[in-house]
Amino acid sequence: MVEIPVGKLKAVVDLLMERFDTNGQVLEIDREEFWSVSVDEAYDVHSEPQDLTIGTLSESWSHLEDMLVDPERVVSHGFVWLADVFRALGDEATHQDFGKPHKS
């Protein structure tokens, strides 16, 4: 079991988000579709996933934007959609420098 204190998780997210210009910058991700694995298969590292589906970043982002517009639409699966977007941002950051340097 991994224990993650919520306060520290928020601090890490804030720290990572500081790498982006807050003056209305739009982050562009050059990828759209990705492999999606069911939760049961994702954590069963002793078996190769058999039930792969295709997800899209635009759909994940759309669900997140819907939650911003109507907080009644907030669901726990939002963390999965956010993870899709964060994964793509992390992957994109390794290919281009759209984040500003961390302040020392």
C-alpha atoms as a PDB file:
ATOM      1  CA  MET A   1       0.000   0.000   0.000  1.00  0.00           C
ATOM      2  CA  VAL A   2       1.181   3.509  -0.814  1.00  0.00           C
ATOM      3  CA  GLU A   3       0.027   6.351   1.416  1.00  0.00           C
ATOM      4  CA  ILE A   4      -0.107   9.783  -0.208  1.00  0.00           C
ATOM      5  CA  PRO A   5      -0.924  12.765   2.007  1.00  0.00           C
ATOM      6  CA  VAL A   6      -3.449  14.968   0.204  1.00  0.00           C
ATOM      7  CA  GLY A   7      -1.638  18.170   1.198  1.00  0.00           C
ATOM      8  CA  LYS A   8       1.622  16.928  -0.300  1.00  0.00           C
ATOM      9  CA  LEU A   9      -0.150  15.774  -3.457  1.00  0.00           C
ATOM     10  CA  LYS A  10      -1.671  19.241  -3.870  1.00  0.00           C
ATOM     11  CA  ALA A  11       1.763  20.792  -3.299  1.00  0.00           C
ATOM     12  CA  VAL A  12       3.338  18.587  -5.981  1.00  0.00           C
ATOM     13  CA  VAL A  13       0.599  19.470  -8.488  1.00  0.00           C
ATOM     14  CA  ASP A  14       1.061  23.181  -7.700  1.00  0.00           C
ATOM     15  CA  LEU A  15       4.839  22.853  -8.069  1.00  0.00           C
ATOM     16  CA  LEU A  16       4.507  21.156 -11.446  1.00  0.00           C
ATOM     17  CA  MET A  17       1.921  23.672 -12.660  1.00  0.00           C
ATOM     18  CA  GLU A  18       4.302  26.528 -11.784  1.00  0.00           C
ATOM     19  CA  ARG A  19       6.433  25.350 -14.707  1.00  0.00           C
ATOM     20  CA  PHE A  20       3.824  26.748 -17.076  1.00  0.00           C
ATOM     21  CA  ASP A  21       3.343  30.394 -17.910  1.00  0.00           C
ATOM     22  CA  THR A  22       0.161  31.564 -16.203  1.00  0.00           C
ATOM     23  CA  ASN A  23      -0.458  34.419 -18.658  1.00  0.00           C
ATOM     24  CA  GLY A  24      -3.145  32.586 -20.599  1.00  0.00           C
ATOM     25  CA  GLN A  25      -0.783  30.050 -22.122  1.00  0.00           C
ATOM     26  CA  VAL A  26      -2.386  27.162 -23.969  1.00  0.00           C
ATOM     27  CA  LEU A  27      -0.517  23.877 -23.815  1.00  0.00           C
ATOM     28  CA  GLU A  28      -0.470  21.989 -27.081  1.00  0.00           C
ATOM     29  CA  ILE A  29      -0.214  18.223 -27.050  1.00  0.00           C
ATOM     30  CA  ASP A  30       0.701  16.661 -30.382  1.00  0.00           C
ATOM     31  CA  ARG A  31      -0.971  13.372 -29.515  1.00  0.00           C
ATOM     32  CA  GLU A  32      -4.681  12.522 -29.430  1.00  0.00           C
ATOM     33  CA  GLU A  33      -5.305   8.795 -29.094  1.00  0.00           C
ATOM     34  CA  PHE A  34      -3.772   6.490 -26.504  1.00  0.00           C
ATOM     35  CA  TRP A  35      -4.076   2.906 -25.326  1.00  0.00           C
ATOM     36  CA  SER A  36      -6.389   2.503 -22.378  1.00  0.00           C
ATOM     37  CA  VAL A  37      -6.238  -0.536 -20.110  1.00  0.00           C
ATOM     38  CA  SER A  38      -8.981  -1.663 -17.732  1.00  0.00           C
ATOM     39  CA  VAL A  39      -8.214  -1.036 -14.073  1.00  0.00           C
ATOM     40  CA  ASP A  40      -8.106  -4.766 -13.304  1.00  0.00           C
ATOM     41  CA  GLU A  41      -5.552  -5.410 -16.031  1.00  0.00           C
ATOM     42  CA  ALA A  42      -3.523  -2.256 -15.357  1.00  0.00           C
ATOM     43  CA  TYR A  43      -2.546  -3.462 -11.888  1.00  0.00           C
ATOM     44  CA  ASP A  44      -2.108  -7.141 -12.733  1.00  0.00           C
ATOM     45  CA  VAL A  45       1.555  -6.954 -13.690  1.00  0.00           C
ATOM     46  CA  HIS A  46       1.861 -10.735 -13.905  1.00  0.00           C
ATOM     47  CA  SER A  47      -0.410 -10.950 -16.969  1.00  0.00           C
ATOM     48  CA  GLU A  48      -0.267  -9.127 -20.260  1.00  0.00           C
ATOM     49  CA  PRO A  49      -3.319  -6.887 -20.830  1.00  0.00           C
ATOM     50  CA  GLN A  50      -5.835  -8.442 -23.213  1.00  0.00           C
ATOM     51  CA  ASP A  51      -8.609  -5.843 -23.182  1.00  0.00           C
ATOM     52  CA  LEU A  52      -6.976  -2.740 -24.665  1.00  0.00           C
ATOM     53  CA  THR A  53      -9.214   0.078 -25.832  1.00  0.00           C
ATOM     54  CA  ILE A  54      -8.435   3.441 -27.377  1.00  0.00           C
ATOM     55  CA  GLY A  55      -8.952   6.632 -25.416  1.00  0.00           C
ATOM     56  CA  THR A  56      -8.704  10.202 -26.669  1.00  0.00           C
ATOM     57  CA  LEU A  57      -7.219  13.193 -24.911  1.00  0.00           C
ATOM     58  CA  SER A  58      -9.903  15.490 -26.285  1.00  0.00           C
ATOM     59  CA  GLU A  59     -12.609  13.337 -24.687  1.00  0.00           C
ATOM     60  CA  SER A  60     -10.810  13.178 -21.341  1.00  0.00           C
ATOM     61  CA  TRP A  61     -10.287  16.954 -21.409  1.00  0.00           C
ATOM     62  CA  SER A  62     -13.928  17.535 -22.385  1.00  0.00           C
ATOM     63  CA  HIS A  63     -15.107  15.570 -19.341  1.00  0.00           C
ATOM     64  CA  LEU A  64     -12.848  17.676 -17.107  1.00  0.00           C
ATOM     65  CA  GLU A  65     -14.134  20.916 -18.628  1.00  0.00           C
ATOM     66  CA  ASP A  66     -17.712  19.713 -18.062  1.00  0.00           C
ATOM     67  CA  MET A  67     -16.919  19.369 -14.366  1.00  0.00           C
ATOM     68  CA  LEU A  68     -15.664  22.963 -14.300  1.00  0.00           C
ATOM     69  CA  VAL A  69     -18.896  24.215 -15.844  1.00  0.00           C
ATOM     70  CA  ASP A  70     -21.154  22.137 -13.605  1.00  0.00           C
ATOM     71  CA  PRO A  71     -19.695  20.942 -10.287  1.00  0.00           C
ATOM     72  CA  GLU A  72     -22.632  18.506 -10.019  1.00  0.00           C
ATOM     73  CA  ARG A  73     -20.868  16.529 -12.748  1.00  0.00           C
ATOM     74  CA  VAL A  74     -17.753  15.937 -10.627  1.00  0.00           C
ATOM     75  CA  VAL A  75     -17.111  12.215 -10.370  1.00  0.00           C
ATOM     76  CA  SER A  76     -14.241  10.191  -8.974  1.00  0.00           C
ATOM     77  CA  HIS A  77     -13.381   9.002 -12.488  1.00  0.00           C
ATOM     78  CA  GLY A  78     -12.219  12.594 -13.036  1.00  0.00           C
ATOM     79  CA  PHE A  79      -8.904  11.514 -11.551  1.00  0.00           C
ATOM     80  CA  VAL A  80      -8.532   9.010 -14.399  1.00  0.00           C
ATOM     81  CA  TRP A  81      -9.303  11.676 -17.021  1.00  0.00           C
ATOM     82  CA  LEU A  82      -6.863  14.028 -15.291  1.00  0.00           C
ATOM     83  CA  ALA A  83      -4.250  11.272 -15.308  1.00  0.00           C
ATOM     84  CA  ASP A  84      -4.767  10.857 -19.073  1.00  0.00           C
ATOM     85  CA  VAL A  85      -4.063  14.571 -19.562  1.00  0.00           C
ATOM     86  CA  PHE A  86      -1.170  14.699 -17.083  1.00  0.00           C
ATOM     87  CA  ARG A  87       0.429  11.645 -18.695  1.00  0.00           C
ATOM     88  CA  ALA A  88       0.251  13.294 -22.113  1.00  0.00           C
ATOM     89  CA  LEU A  89       1.680  16.554 -20.695  1.00  0.00           C
ATOM     90  CA  GLY A  90       4.536  14.631 -19.108  1.00  0.00           C
ATOM     91  CA  ASP A  91       5.235  12.736 -22.310  1.00  0.00           C
ATOM     92  CA  GLU A  92       5.058  15.941 -24.370  1.00  0.00           C
ATOM     93  CA  ALA A  93       7.403  17.733 -21.964  1.00  0.00           C
ATOM     94  CA  THR A  94      10.086  15.173 -22.730  1.00  0.00           C
ATOM     95  CA  HIS A  95       9.847  16.085 -26.434  1.00  0.00           C
ATOM     96  CA  GLN A  96       9.588  19.868 -26.201  1.00  0.00           C
ATOM     97  CA  ASP A  97      10.216  22.488 -23.575  1.00  0.00           C
ATOM     98  CA  PHE A  98       6.843  24.128 -23.074  1.00  0.00           C
ATOM     99  CA  GLY A  99       7.431  24.539 -19.359  1.00  0.00           C
ATOM    100  CA  LYS A 100       9.400  27.454 -18.001  1.00  0.00           C
ATOM    101  CA  PRO A 101      12.516  26.676 -15.953  1.00  0.00           C
ATOM    102  CA  HIS A 102      11.957  26.053 -12.249  1.00  0.00           C
ATOM    103  CA  LYS A 103      12.850  29.068 -10.101  1.00  0.00           C
ATOM    104  CA  SER A 104      15.740  28.490  -7.743  1.00  0.00           C
END
